[in-house]
Amino acid sequence: MNDVTVLEVYTATGLEQIFGLDAKDTSRVWTPQARYYLFKFVEPSERSEHLGPGLRFLGDDEWMPYPGTMIEGQLAHWEISPDDYSPMPLPEELRNRDALKA
């Protein structure tokens, strides 16, 4: 997928933080290790660098596991497919440098 910003959520604390945001209907991938939330593309300079524990944006040279990838004996899969819901705009809280700081 091109033109998306990917947020990796990899701890229970991270999930608690993301559940409080308006991101429930954006495309996302489940893996045994993390969830990957897809948002409309935002320039790296516009993304918060201080998200708090369990949250991080993937960089340009990183990738998320694509659905169908085997990880720890389980298949990564779409929780919400882009066929059902397009990536949403990045919530303002993820642009604000202090909103999710631990």
N, C-alpha and C. Protein backbone atom coordinates (compact mmCIF):
# COMPACT_ATOMS: atom_id res chain seq x y z
N MET A 1 0.84 -1.18 0.00
CA MET A 1 0.00 0.00 0.00
C MET A 1 0.89 1.24 0.00
N ASN A 2 0.57 2.14 -0.86
CA ASN A 2 1.30 3.41 -0.93
C ASN A 2 0.47 4.51 -0.30
N ASP A 3 1.15 5.58 0.01
CA ASP A 3 0.47 6.78 0.51
C ASP A 3 -0.30 6.56 1.80
N VAL A 4 0.30 5.79 2.72
CA VAL A 4 -0.28 5.63 4.05
C VAL A 4 0.79 5.88 5.10
N THR A 5 0.34 6.26 6.27
CA THR A 5 1.18 6.36 7.46
C THR A 5 0.77 5.20 8.34
N VAL A 6 1.75 4.41 8.80
CA VAL A 6 1.46 3.22 9.60
C VAL A 6 1.88 3.45 11.04
N LEU A 7 0.94 3.22 11.95
CA LEU A 7 1.20 3.31 13.38
C LEU A 7 1.25 1.89 13.93
N GLU A 8 2.37 1.52 14.52
CA GLU A 8 2.50 0.21 15.15
C GLU A 8 2.10 0.35 16.62
N VAL A 9 1.21 -0.52 17.06
CA VAL A 9 0.76 -0.54 18.44
C VAL A 9 1.17 -1.90 18.99
N TYR A 10 2.14 -1.92 19.92
CA TYR A 10 2.75 -3.19 20.29
C TYR A 10 2.73 -3.52 21.78
N THR A 11 1.97 -2.80 22.59
CA THR A 11 1.80 -3.17 24.00
C THR A 11 0.36 -2.92 24.41
N ALA A 12 -0.02 -3.49 25.56
CA ALA A 12 -1.37 -3.25 26.09
C ALA A 12 -1.57 -1.77 26.38
N THR A 13 -0.52 -1.11 26.86
CA THR A 13 -0.61 0.33 27.13
C THR A 13 -0.86 1.09 25.84
N GLY A 14 -0.19 0.69 24.77
CA GLY A 14 -0.41 1.33 23.47
C GLY A 14 -1.84 1.14 23.00
N LEU A 15 -2.39 -0.07 23.19
CA LEU A 15 -3.77 -0.32 22.78
C LEU A 15 -4.74 0.54 23.59
N GLU A 16 -4.49 0.69 24.88
CA GLU A 16 -5.35 1.55 25.70
C GLU A 16 -5.35 2.98 25.16
N GLN A 17 -4.18 3.45 24.76
CA GLN A 17 -4.08 4.82 24.24
C GLN A 17 -4.81 4.98 22.91
N ILE A 18 -4.65 4.01 22.02
CA ILE A 18 -5.26 4.13 20.68
C ILE A 18 -6.77 3.97 20.76
N PHE A 19 -7.29 3.18 21.73
CA PHE A 19 -8.73 3.01 21.86
C PHE A 19 -9.42 4.31 22.23
N GLY A 20 -8.69 5.24 22.83
CA GLY A 20 -9.27 6.52 23.18
C GLY A 20 -9.34 7.50 22.02
N LEU A 21 -8.76 7.13 20.89
CA LEU A 21 -8.73 8.02 19.72
C LEU A 21 -9.82 7.63 18.73
N ASP A 22 -10.10 8.52 17.81
CA ASP A 22 -11.07 8.23 16.75
C ASP A 22 -10.37 7.47 15.63
N ALA A 23 -10.08 6.19 15.90
CA ALA A 23 -9.36 5.38 14.91
C ALA A 23 -10.00 4.00 14.74
N LYS A 24 -11.20 3.81 15.28
CA LYS A 24 -11.79 2.49 15.27
C LYS A 24 -12.17 1.99 13.88
N ASP A 25 -12.37 2.90 12.93
CA ASP A 25 -12.81 2.50 11.60
C ASP A 25 -11.73 2.67 10.54
N THR A 26 -10.48 2.77 10.94
CA THR A 26 -9.42 2.84 9.95
C THR A 26 -8.90 1.43 9.67
N SER A 27 -8.31 1.23 8.53
CA SER A 27 -7.78 -0.08 8.17
C SER A 27 -6.70 -0.48 9.17
N ARG A 28 -6.67 -1.78 9.52
CA ARG A 28 -5.62 -2.24 10.43
C ARG A 28 -5.36 -3.72 10.26
N VAL A 29 -4.13 -4.10 10.58
CA VAL A 29 -3.65 -5.48 10.47
C VAL A 29 -3.34 -6.01 11.86
N TRP A 30 -3.76 -7.25 12.12
CA TRP A 30 -3.46 -7.92 13.38
C TRP A 30 -2.31 -8.88 13.17
N THR A 31 -1.37 -8.92 14.13
CA THR A 31 -0.35 -9.96 14.20
C THR A 31 -0.26 -10.38 15.66
N PRO A 32 0.39 -11.51 15.97
CA PRO A 32 0.53 -11.91 17.36
C PRO A 32 1.35 -10.90 18.18
N GLN A 33 2.17 -10.09 17.52
CA GLN A 33 3.06 -9.17 18.22
C GLN A 33 2.53 -7.75 18.29
N ALA A 34 1.68 -7.36 17.35
CA ALA A 34 1.28 -5.95 17.28
C ALA A 34 0.06 -5.79 16.38
N ARG A 35 -0.52 -4.59 16.45
CA ARG A 35 -1.53 -4.17 15.47
C ARG A 35 -0.91 -3.01 14.69
N TYR A 36 -1.28 -2.92 13.43
CA TYR A 36 -0.78 -1.87 12.55
C TYR A 36 -1.96 -1.09 12.02
N TYR A 37 -2.06 0.17 12.41
CA TYR A 37 -3.14 1.06 12.00
C TYR A 37 -2.68 1.88 10.80
N LEU A 38 -3.49 1.90 9.75
CA LEU A 38 -3.17 2.63 8.54
C LEU A 38 -3.98 3.93 8.49
N PHE A 39 -3.26 5.03 8.29
CA PHE A 39 -3.88 6.34 8.17
C PHE A 39 -3.46 6.96 6.85
N LYS A 40 -4.23 7.94 6.38
CA LYS A 40 -3.82 8.68 5.19
C LYS A 40 -2.43 9.24 5.43
N PHE A 41 -1.65 9.33 4.38
CA PHE A 41 -0.25 9.74 4.50
C PHE A 41 -0.11 11.12 5.12
N VAL A 42 0.84 11.22 6.04
CA VAL A 42 1.21 12.48 6.67
C VAL A 42 2.74 12.56 6.64
N GLU A 43 3.27 13.69 6.25
CA GLU A 43 4.72 13.86 6.22
C GLU A 43 5.32 13.58 7.59
N PRO A 44 6.49 12.93 7.64
CA PRO A 44 7.11 12.64 8.94
C PRO A 44 7.25 13.86 9.84
N SER A 45 7.49 15.02 9.27
CA SER A 45 7.65 16.23 10.08
C SER A 45 6.36 16.63 10.79
N GLU A 46 5.21 16.11 10.33
CA GLU A 46 3.92 16.45 10.92
C GLU A 46 3.46 15.42 11.96
N ARG A 47 4.21 14.33 12.11
CA ARG A 47 3.85 13.28 13.05
C ARG A 47 4.50 13.54 14.41
N SER A 48 3.80 13.18 15.44
CA SER A 48 4.37 13.32 16.78
C SER A 48 5.53 12.35 16.95
N GLU A 49 6.58 12.80 17.60
CA GLU A 49 7.71 11.92 17.91
C GLU A 49 7.59 11.35 19.31
N HIS A 50 6.66 11.84 20.09
CA HIS A 50 6.51 11.44 21.49
C HIS A 50 5.13 10.85 21.69
N LEU A 51 4.97 9.59 21.32
CA LEU A 51 3.66 8.97 21.34
C LEU A 51 3.34 8.29 22.66
N GLY A 52 4.31 7.94 23.43
CA GLY A 52 4.09 7.19 24.65
C GLY A 52 4.43 5.73 24.43
N PRO A 53 4.42 4.97 25.52
CA PRO A 53 4.83 3.56 25.43
C PRO A 53 3.90 2.73 24.56
N GLY A 54 4.50 1.88 23.74
CA GLY A 54 3.73 0.95 22.93
C GLY A 54 3.22 1.47 21.61
N LEU A 55 3.60 2.71 21.24
CA LEU A 55 3.17 3.29 19.98
C LEU A 55 4.37 3.84 19.23
N ARG A 56 4.41 3.59 17.93
CA ARG A 56 5.45 4.22 17.10
C ARG A 56 5.02 4.20 15.64
N PHE A 57 5.47 5.21 14.91
CA PHE A 57 5.25 5.24 13.47
C PHE A 57 6.34 4.45 12.79
N LEU A 58 5.98 3.69 11.75
CA LEU A 58 6.98 3.00 10.96
C LEU A 58 7.68 4.01 10.06
N GLY A 59 8.98 3.85 9.92
CA GLY A 59 9.76 4.73 9.06
C GLY A 59 9.67 4.31 7.60
N ASP A 60 10.30 5.11 6.75
CA ASP A 60 10.24 4.86 5.31
C ASP A 60 10.84 3.52 4.91
N ASP A 61 11.84 3.04 5.64
CA ASP A 61 12.50 1.79 5.27
C ASP A 61 11.98 0.60 6.07
N GLU A 62 10.86 0.76 6.75
CA GLU A 62 10.28 -0.32 7.53
C GLU A 62 9.00 -0.79 6.86
N TRP A 63 8.57 -1.97 7.20
CA TRP A 63 7.35 -2.51 6.61
C TRP A 63 6.52 -3.17 7.70
N MET A 64 5.23 -3.22 7.46
CA MET A 64 4.34 -3.97 8.35
C MET A 64 4.12 -5.34 7.73
N PRO A 65 3.88 -6.34 8.55
CA PRO A 65 3.57 -7.66 7.99
C PRO A 65 2.27 -7.58 7.19
N TYR A 66 2.29 -8.11 6.01
CA TYR A 66 1.10 -8.08 5.18
C TYR A 66 0.21 -9.26 5.55
N PRO A 67 -1.12 -9.10 5.50
CA PRO A 67 -2.01 -10.21 5.80
C PRO A 67 -1.64 -11.45 4.99
N GLY A 68 -1.63 -12.58 5.67
CA GLY A 68 -1.21 -13.84 5.06
C GLY A 68 0.20 -14.23 5.45
N THR A 69 0.96 -13.29 6.04
CA THR A 69 2.31 -13.58 6.52
C THR A 69 2.22 -14.42 7.78
N MET A 70 3.02 -15.49 7.87
CA MET A 70 3.03 -16.34 9.05
C MET A 70 3.99 -15.74 10.08
N ILE A 71 3.48 -15.50 11.29
CA ILE A 71 4.28 -14.95 12.38
C ILE A 71 3.98 -15.77 13.63
N GLU A 72 5.03 -16.37 14.18
CA GLU A 72 4.87 -17.17 15.39
C GLU A 72 3.77 -18.22 15.24
N GLY A 73 3.69 -18.82 14.06
CA GLY A 73 2.71 -19.87 13.81
C GLY A 73 1.29 -19.38 13.57
N GLN A 74 1.10 -18.06 13.45
CA GLN A 74 -0.23 -17.51 13.20
C GLN A 74 -0.17 -16.59 11.99
N LEU A 75 -1.27 -16.52 11.27
CA LEU A 75 -1.33 -15.66 10.09
C LEU A 75 -1.71 -14.24 10.47
N ALA A 76 -0.94 -13.28 9.98
CA ALA A 76 -1.35 -11.88 10.07
C ALA A 76 -2.62 -11.74 9.23
N HIS A 77 -3.56 -10.92 9.71
CA HIS A 77 -4.80 -10.75 8.94
C HIS A 77 -5.36 -9.34 9.14
N TRP A 78 -6.20 -8.96 8.19
CA TRP A 78 -6.88 -7.68 8.30
C TRP A 78 -7.90 -7.77 9.42
N GLU A 79 -7.87 -6.84 10.37
CA GLU A 79 -8.99 -6.67 11.30
C GLU A 79 -10.04 -5.82 10.60
N ILE A 80 -9.56 -4.81 9.90
CA ILE A 80 -10.42 -3.99 9.05
C ILE A 80 -9.69 -3.80 7.73
N SER A 81 -10.26 -4.32 6.67
CA SER A 81 -9.63 -4.27 5.36
C SER A 81 -9.83 -2.89 4.71
N PRO A 82 -8.85 -2.45 3.92
CA PRO A 82 -9.05 -1.21 3.16
C PRO A 82 -10.18 -1.34 2.14
N ASP A 83 -10.60 -2.57 1.85
CA ASP A 83 -11.77 -2.75 0.98
C ASP A 83 -13.06 -2.35 1.70
N ASP A 84 -13.04 -2.43 3.04
CA ASP A 84 -14.22 -2.09 3.84
C ASP A 84 -14.19 -0.64 4.32
N TYR A 85 -13.02 -0.21 4.80
CA TYR A 85 -12.85 1.16 5.29
C TYR A 85 -11.50 1.68 4.81
N SER A 86 -11.49 2.79 4.15
CA SER A 86 -10.23 3.40 3.71
C SER A 86 -9.48 3.94 4.92
N PRO A 87 -8.16 4.07 4.80
CA PRO A 87 -7.42 4.69 5.89
C PRO A 87 -7.98 6.07 6.21
N MET A 88 -8.14 6.34 7.50
CA MET A 88 -8.68 7.61 7.98
C MET A 88 -7.58 8.66 8.06
N PRO A 89 -7.94 9.92 8.17
CA PRO A 89 -6.93 10.94 8.45
C PRO A 89 -6.31 10.67 9.83
N LEU A 90 -5.08 11.04 9.98
CA LEU A 90 -4.37 10.86 11.25
C LEU A 90 -5.04 11.70 12.32
N PRO A 91 -5.45 11.08 13.46
CA PRO A 91 -6.08 11.87 14.52
C PRO A 91 -5.16 12.99 15.02
N GLU A 92 -5.76 14.09 15.39
CA GLU A 92 -4.99 15.24 15.87
C GLU A 92 -4.10 14.88 17.05
N GLU A 93 -4.56 13.96 17.91
CA GLU A 93 -3.76 13.56 19.07
C GLU A 93 -2.42 12.97 18.68
N LEU A 94 -2.35 12.39 17.48
CA LEU A 94 -1.09 11.80 17.02
C LEU A 94 -0.20 12.83 16.33
N ARG A 95 -0.72 14.02 16.18
CA ARG A 95 0.07 15.13 15.64
C ARG A 95 0.58 16.01 16.76
N ASN A 96 -0.10 15.98 17.90
CA ASN A 96 0.25 16.81 19.04
C ASN A 96 1.39 16.14 19.79
N ARG A 97 2.49 16.82 19.96
CA ARG A 97 3.68 16.23 20.56
C ARG A 97 3.51 15.79 22.01
N ASP A 98 2.56 16.33 22.73
CA ASP A 98 2.44 16.01 24.15
C ASP A 98 1.18 15.24 24.52
N ALA A 99 0.26 15.06 23.60
CA ALA A 99 -1.05 14.49 23.94
C ALA A 99 -0.97 13.08 24.50
N LEU A 100 -0.09 12.24 23.95
CA LEU A 100 -0.02 10.85 24.39
C LEU A 100 1.24 10.54 25.18
N LYS A 101 1.97 11.55 25.56
CA LYS A 101 3.21 11.34 26.30
C LYS A 101 2.91 10.68 27.64
N ALA A 102 3.69 9.70 27.98
CA ALA A 102 3.45 8.98 29.24
C ALA A 102 3.78 9.83 30.45
